[in-house]
Protein backbone atom coordinates (compact mmCIF):
# COMPACT_ATOMS: atom_id res chain seq x y z
CA MET A 1 88.71 -70.09 13.79
CA GLN A 2 88.07 -67.99 10.85
CA SER A 3 90.65 -65.99 9.25
CA ILE A 4 90.12 -62.32 8.27
CA ASN A 5 92.22 -61.67 5.05
CA PHE A 6 92.55 -58.22 3.66
CA ASP A 7 95.23 -56.07 1.90
CA THR A 8 97.34 -54.39 4.66
CA GLY A 9 99.76 -52.60 2.10
CA TYR A 10 102.68 -54.74 3.23
CA LYS A 11 105.26 -55.75 0.53
CA THR A 12 107.31 -58.96 1.05
CA TYR A 13 110.94 -59.19 0.37
CA ALA A 14 113.01 -62.28 0.34
CA ILE A 15 116.38 -62.13 2.13
CA ASN A 16 119.13 -63.20 -0.18
CA ASP A 17 116.74 -64.92 -2.47
CA ASN A 18 115.48 -67.28 0.45
CA GLU A 19 111.80 -67.14 0.16
CA ASN A 20 111.50 -68.82 3.56
CA ASN A 21 113.21 -65.79 5.11
CA VAL A 22 111.31 -62.69 4.40
CA ILE A 23 110.64 -59.18 5.82
CA LYS A 24 107.38 -57.29 5.22
CA ILE A 25 107.40 -53.49 4.91
CA ASN A 26 104.28 -51.29 4.47
CA VAL A 27 105.47 -49.02 1.75
CA GLY A 28 102.12 -47.24 1.96
CA ASP A 29 102.94 -46.16 5.60
CA HIS A 30 102.79 -42.31 5.37
CA ASN A 31 105.41 -42.04 8.04
CA LEU A 32 107.80 -44.47 6.39
CA ARG A 33 109.73 -41.83 4.48
CA ALA A 34 110.19 -39.69 7.31
CA ARG A 35 111.53 -42.50 9.44
CA MET A 36 113.93 -43.62 6.77
CA LYS A 37 115.30 -40.04 6.57
CA GLU A 38 115.86 -40.17 10.35
CA LEU A 39 117.45 -43.50 10.22
CA PRO A 40 121.07 -42.30 9.34
CA VAL A 41 120.97 -39.66 12.06
CA ARG A 42 119.64 -41.97 14.68
CA LEU A 43 122.37 -44.65 13.67
CA SER A 44 125.10 -42.02 13.77
CA VAL A 45 124.11 -41.27 17.54
CA ILE A 46 124.89 -44.87 18.31
CA GLU A 47 128.10 -44.89 16.24
CA ASP A 48 129.23 -41.63 17.99
CA LYS A 49 128.67 -43.42 21.49
CA TYR A 50 131.04 -46.42 20.46
CA LYS A 51 133.40 -45.12 17.86
CA ASN A 52 136.23 -43.72 20.11
CA ILE A 53 136.19 -46.89 22.56
CA GLU A 54 139.65 -48.53 21.97
CA ASN A 55 138.87 -51.83 23.71
CA ILE A 56 135.19 -52.41 23.14
CA THR A 57 133.69 -55.01 25.62
CA GLU A 58 131.48 -57.91 24.71
CA GLU A 59 128.60 -56.24 26.57
CA GLN A 60 129.06 -53.04 24.64
CA CYS A 61 129.07 -55.01 21.29
CA VAL A 62 125.81 -56.63 22.36
CA GLU A 63 124.24 -53.24 23.49
CA ALA A 64 125.28 -51.57 20.19
CA ASP A 65 123.76 -54.54 18.12
CA LYS A 66 120.39 -54.16 20.17
CA ALA A 67 120.43 -50.40 19.64
CA VAL A 68 120.97 -50.63 15.92
CA ARG A 69 118.34 -53.30 15.52
CA ALA A 70 115.81 -51.16 17.48
CA GLU A 71 116.42 -48.26 15.20
CA MET A 72 116.04 -50.34 11.98
CA ASN A 73 112.82 -51.86 13.35
CA TYR A 74 111.59 -48.40 14.26
CA ALA A 75 112.52 -47.07 10.97
CA PHE A 76 110.62 -49.72 8.82
CA GLY A 77 107.64 -50.13 11.37
CA THR A 78 108.23 -53.72 11.86
CA ASP A 79 110.85 -56.30 13.02
CA ILE A 80 113.06 -56.61 10.09
CA ALA A 81 116.24 -57.23 12.13
CA THR A 82 115.33 -60.82 13.32
CA PRO A 83 114.74 -62.27 9.89
CA VAL A 84 117.68 -60.27 8.36
CA PHE A 85 120.40 -60.90 10.95
CA GLY A 86 119.09 -63.88 13.04
CA SER A 87 121.37 -64.16 15.96
CA LEU A 88 124.40 -62.58 14.20
CA ASN A 89 125.49 -59.31 15.63
CA CYS A 90 124.50 -56.93 12.91
CA LEU A 91 127.62 -54.82 13.40
CA THR A 92 129.75 -57.74 12.32
CA VAL A 93 132.35 -56.52 9.83
CA LEU A 94 132.38 -58.20 6.39
CA PRO A 95 136.03 -58.94 5.42
CA ASP A 96 135.67 -58.35 1.72
CA SER A 97 133.83 -54.90 1.96
CA GLY A 98 134.94 -53.63 5.37
CA LYS A 99 131.27 -52.72 6.05
CA SER A 100 129.02 -54.01 8.72
CA VAL A 101 126.27 -56.51 7.97
CA ALA A 102 123.79 -53.83 8.80
CA GLN A 103 125.33 -51.20 6.53
CA SER A 104 125.42 -53.92 3.59
CA PHE A 105 121.87 -54.81 4.24
CA LEU A 106 120.76 -51.10 4.23
CA GLU A 107 122.72 -50.26 1.13
CA ALA A 108 120.87 -53.17 -0.73
CA LEU A 109 117.48 -52.32 0.76
CA MET A 110 117.17 -48.59 0.65
CA PRO A 111 117.07 -48.31 -3.31
CA ILE A 112 114.34 -51.00 -3.42
CA ILE A 113 112.20 -49.30 -0.68
CA LYS A 114 112.66 -45.87 -2.22
CA ASN A 115 111.47 -47.18 -5.67
CA ASP A 116 108.50 -49.10 -4.13
CA VAL A 117 107.46 -46.05 -2.07
CA ASP A 118 107.75 -43.80 -5.10
CA GLU A 119 105.71 -46.43 -7.07
CA TYR A 120 103.03 -46.50 -4.43
CA VAL A 121 102.82 -42.72 -4.18
CA GLU A 122 102.34 -42.55 -8.08
CA LYS A 123 99.67 -45.09 -8.00
CA ILE A 124 97.86 -43.33 -5.24
CA GLN A 125 98.16 -39.89 -6.94
CA ASN A 126 96.59 -41.52 -10.06
CA LEU A 127 93.80 -43.19 -8.05
CA LYS A 128 92.98 -39.87 -6.50
CA LYS A 129 92.87 -38.16 -9.93
CA SER A 130 90.53 -40.72 -11.36
CA LYS A 131 88.22 -40.64 -8.24
CA VAL A 132 88.12 -36.88 -8.38
CA THR A 133 87.40 -36.79 -12.09
CA GLN A 134 84.82 -39.63 -11.64
CA TYR A 135 82.88 -37.53 -9.02
CA LEU A 136 83.34 -34.12 -10.77
CA GLU A 137 82.29 -34.98 -14.27
CA PRO A 138 78.58 -35.64 -13.43
CA ILE A 139 78.24 -32.44 -11.41
CA THR A 140 80.20 -30.07 -13.58
CA PRO A 141 77.54 -28.43 -15.85
CA ALA A 142 78.35 -27.71 -19.37
CA VAL A 143 78.35 -24.01 -19.50
CA GLU A 144 77.77 -22.32 -22.79
CA LYS A 145 80.09 -19.49 -23.31
CA ILE A 146 78.42 -16.18 -24.06
CA ASP A 147 79.91 -13.26 -25.95
CA ILE A 148 78.52 -10.34 -23.58
CA GLU A 149 79.26 -7.84 -26.18
CA LYS A 150 76.84 -9.47 -28.66
CA LEU A 151 73.96 -9.39 -26.18
CA SER A 152 71.17 -6.98 -26.37
CA PRO A 153 70.45 -4.65 -23.29
CA GLU A 154 67.45 -6.80 -22.51
CA GLU A 155 69.38 -10.10 -22.65
CA LYS A 156 72.04 -8.65 -20.29
CA ASP A 157 69.32 -7.61 -17.80
CA ARG A 158 67.67 -10.97 -18.04
CA ILE A 159 70.94 -12.75 -17.33
CA LEU A 160 71.75 -10.46 -14.33
CA SER A 161 68.35 -11.00 -12.86
CA GLU A 162 68.67 -14.83 -13.17
CA MET A 163 72.11 -14.64 -11.40
CA PHE A 164 70.62 -12.77 -8.49
CA THR A 165 67.30 -14.48 -7.94
């Protein structure tokens, strides 16, 4: 079987410096920024559903974990939850910070992704500028500026006739 290899725009990130455990995110995905902006709102809907439950059941914990994972996967356009959390419930609270594993992960990831997306956008803008310049330079004629005040009436008539014929 032959392999087809080409650049897909995905960037690879090692989880906790473990190069055998990675996530891949396409920072060039034009919808990524919009989905990233939606993520806090979408996660707050899940939080609102469970935050006032006094005695949360095991089933509810599993359900909330699945919902958060699904939203994170949606936001980044790929399954990032499995390599990041494995079988750990992503809402497990970390004793030192009091944050969930998911929150801790997102706080570490978001600045990196924002930087990489901004870098990508800048590269694309520069690429577009160079391509536009490359194609415009050959077709943009060098136009000699003429001081109309210095032209004789005959020269003005000749220029006008050239413009309209």
